[in-house]
N, C-alpha and C. Protein backbone atom coordinates (compact mmCIF):
# COMPACT_ATOMS: atom_id res chain seq x y z
N MET A 1 3.55 -11.48 -3.75
CA MET A 1 2.20 -11.46 -4.29
C MET A 1 1.25 -10.91 -3.23
N SER A 2 0.20 -10.29 -3.71
CA SER A 2 -0.76 -9.69 -2.79
C SER A 2 -1.42 -10.73 -1.88
N GLY A 3 -1.47 -11.98 -2.30
CA GLY A 3 -2.07 -13.03 -1.48
C GLY A 3 -1.27 -13.35 -0.22
N ASP A 4 -0.06 -12.80 -0.10
CA ASP A 4 0.74 -13.00 1.11
C ASP A 4 0.19 -12.21 2.29
N TRP A 5 -0.67 -11.22 2.02
CA TRP A 5 -1.23 -10.38 3.07
C TRP A 5 -2.75 -10.40 3.00
N THR A 6 -3.39 -10.45 4.14
CA THR A 6 -4.86 -10.45 4.17
C THR A 6 -5.43 -9.07 3.91
N SER A 7 -4.60 -8.04 3.91
CA SER A 7 -5.09 -6.68 3.68
C SER A 7 -5.38 -6.41 2.21
N PHE A 8 -5.08 -7.36 1.33
CA PHE A 8 -5.43 -7.24 -0.09
C PHE A 8 -6.68 -8.06 -0.37
N GLU A 9 -7.58 -7.49 -1.14
CA GLU A 9 -8.82 -8.19 -1.51
C GLU A 9 -8.56 -9.25 -2.58
N HIS A 10 -7.64 -8.97 -3.49
CA HIS A 10 -7.35 -9.89 -4.59
C HIS A 10 -5.95 -10.47 -4.41
N PRO A 11 -5.78 -11.78 -4.53
CA PRO A 11 -4.51 -12.42 -4.18
C PRO A 11 -3.45 -12.49 -5.27
N ASP A 12 -3.74 -12.06 -6.48
CA ASP A 12 -2.82 -12.33 -7.58
C ASP A 12 -2.15 -11.10 -8.17
N TYR A 13 -1.89 -10.08 -7.37
CA TYR A 13 -1.19 -8.88 -7.84
C TYR A 13 0.26 -8.91 -7.38
N TRP A 14 1.15 -8.40 -8.23
CA TRP A 14 2.53 -8.20 -7.79
C TRP A 14 2.55 -6.98 -6.88
N VAL A 15 3.33 -7.06 -5.82
CA VAL A 15 3.42 -5.98 -4.85
C VAL A 15 4.89 -5.61 -4.67
N THR A 16 5.19 -4.32 -4.73
CA THR A 16 6.53 -3.83 -4.45
C THR A 16 6.45 -3.02 -3.17
N VAL A 17 7.29 -3.33 -2.21
CA VAL A 17 7.27 -2.65 -0.92
C VAL A 17 8.49 -1.74 -0.83
N ALA A 18 8.26 -0.46 -0.51
CA ALA A 18 9.35 0.49 -0.33
C ALA A 18 9.91 0.34 1.08
N GLY A 19 11.22 0.31 1.19
CA GLY A 19 11.84 0.22 2.51
C GLY A 19 11.56 1.47 3.32
N GLY A 20 11.17 1.31 4.52
CA GLY A 20 10.88 2.44 5.39
C GLY A 20 9.50 2.32 5.98
N ARG A 21 9.26 3.12 6.99
CA ARG A 21 7.95 3.14 7.64
C ARG A 21 7.40 4.55 7.60
N PHE A 22 6.09 4.63 7.61
CA PHE A 22 5.42 5.92 7.58
C PHE A 22 4.44 5.97 8.75
N GLY A 23 4.29 7.12 9.34
CA GLY A 23 3.41 7.29 10.48
C GLY A 23 1.93 7.20 10.14
N ASN A 24 1.60 7.51 8.88
CA ASN A 24 0.21 7.44 8.45
C ASN A 24 0.16 7.38 6.92
N ALA A 25 -1.04 7.19 6.41
CA ALA A 25 -1.22 7.03 4.97
C ALA A 25 -0.82 8.28 4.20
N ASP A 26 -1.09 9.46 4.75
CA ASP A 26 -0.74 10.69 4.05
C ASP A 26 0.77 10.82 3.87
N GLU A 27 1.55 10.42 4.87
CA GLU A 27 3.01 10.45 4.74
C GLU A 27 3.47 9.51 3.63
N ALA A 28 2.89 8.33 3.58
CA ALA A 28 3.25 7.37 2.54
C ALA A 28 2.91 7.92 1.16
N ASN A 29 1.74 8.53 1.03
CA ASN A 29 1.35 9.10 -0.26
C ASN A 29 2.21 10.29 -0.65
N ARG A 30 2.67 11.07 0.32
CA ARG A 30 3.59 12.17 0.01
C ARG A 30 4.92 11.61 -0.51
N TRP A 31 5.35 10.48 0.05
CA TRP A 31 6.57 9.84 -0.45
C TRP A 31 6.39 9.44 -1.90
N CYS A 32 5.24 8.85 -2.23
CA CYS A 32 4.95 8.48 -3.62
C CYS A 32 5.04 9.70 -4.53
N ASP A 33 4.45 10.81 -4.10
CA ASP A 33 4.48 12.05 -4.88
C ASP A 33 5.92 12.51 -5.09
N ALA A 34 6.71 12.51 -4.01
CA ALA A 34 8.09 12.99 -4.08
C ALA A 34 8.94 12.13 -5.01
N GLN A 35 8.59 10.86 -5.15
CA GLN A 35 9.35 9.97 -6.04
C GLN A 35 8.90 10.10 -7.49
N GLY A 36 7.80 10.80 -7.73
CA GLY A 36 7.31 11.00 -9.08
C GLY A 36 6.47 9.86 -9.63
N PHE A 37 5.96 9.01 -8.75
CA PHE A 37 5.12 7.90 -9.20
C PHE A 37 3.74 8.40 -9.60
N ALA A 38 3.17 7.79 -10.63
CA ALA A 38 1.79 8.10 -11.02
C ALA A 38 0.84 7.63 -9.91
N LYS A 39 -0.32 8.29 -9.82
CA LYS A 39 -1.23 8.00 -8.70
C LYS A 39 -1.71 6.55 -8.67
N ASP A 40 -1.80 5.90 -9.82
CA ASP A 40 -2.26 4.51 -9.84
C ASP A 40 -1.11 3.51 -9.63
N ASP A 41 0.13 4.01 -9.58
CA ASP A 41 1.28 3.13 -9.43
C ASP A 41 1.87 3.13 -8.03
N CYS A 42 1.42 4.00 -7.17
CA CYS A 42 1.96 4.08 -5.81
C CYS A 42 0.91 4.72 -4.92
N TYR A 43 0.59 4.06 -3.83
CA TYR A 43 -0.36 4.62 -2.87
C TYR A 43 -0.19 3.89 -1.54
N ALA A 44 -0.73 4.50 -0.51
CA ALA A 44 -0.60 3.96 0.84
C ALA A 44 -1.41 2.68 0.99
N LYS A 45 -0.75 1.66 1.54
CA LYS A 45 -1.41 0.37 1.79
C LYS A 45 -0.83 -0.22 3.06
N ARG A 46 -1.70 -0.49 4.03
CA ARG A 46 -1.26 -1.14 5.26
C ARG A 46 -1.16 -2.64 4.97
N LEU A 47 -0.01 -3.22 5.30
CA LEU A 47 0.18 -4.66 5.09
C LEU A 47 -0.16 -5.38 6.38
N ASP A 48 -1.03 -6.37 6.28
CA ASP A 48 -1.51 -7.09 7.45
C ASP A 48 -1.64 -8.56 7.10
N THR A 49 -1.44 -9.42 8.06
CA THR A 49 -1.57 -10.85 7.82
C THR A 49 -2.70 -11.48 8.64
N THR A 50 -3.43 -10.66 9.40
CA THR A 50 -4.48 -11.23 10.24
C THR A 50 -5.85 -10.62 10.03
N GLY A 51 -5.93 -9.40 9.51
CA GLY A 51 -7.22 -8.73 9.33
C GLY A 51 -7.71 -8.85 7.90
N GLY A 52 -8.75 -8.10 7.60
CA GLY A 52 -9.30 -8.09 6.26
C GLY A 52 -8.78 -6.93 5.44
N SER A 53 -9.38 -6.73 4.28
CA SER A 53 -8.91 -5.69 3.37
C SER A 53 -9.53 -4.32 3.63
N ASP A 54 -10.64 -4.26 4.33
CA ASP A 54 -11.32 -2.98 4.55
C ASP A 54 -10.48 -1.99 5.35
N GLY A 55 -10.40 -0.76 4.85
CA GLY A 55 -9.72 0.32 5.57
C GLY A 55 -8.21 0.30 5.51
N ASN A 56 -7.61 -0.50 4.64
CA ASN A 56 -6.15 -0.60 4.59
C ASN A 56 -5.51 0.08 3.39
N THR A 57 -6.31 0.79 2.61
CA THR A 57 -5.80 1.46 1.41
C THR A 57 -6.22 2.91 1.40
N LYS A 58 -5.29 3.80 1.03
CA LYS A 58 -5.63 5.20 0.81
C LYS A 58 -4.98 5.62 -0.50
N VAL A 59 -5.81 5.75 -1.53
CA VAL A 59 -5.31 6.14 -2.85
C VAL A 59 -5.01 7.63 -2.85
N ARG A 60 -4.25 8.06 -3.86
CA ARG A 60 -3.89 9.48 -3.96
C ARG A 60 -4.85 10.22 -4.85
């Protein structure tokens, strides 16, 4: 659930994490594109447990 990470503003969303690491948000979003995901179904999100939600999302 999104509430497991402080980088999400809302705590009640299901979250699916793709195995692997990306050097930056653009690389993660290119992976989403290559997999054929719709723009609202896959986007770069930094997962954090200590900070806030600001600056941790880059939509496509």
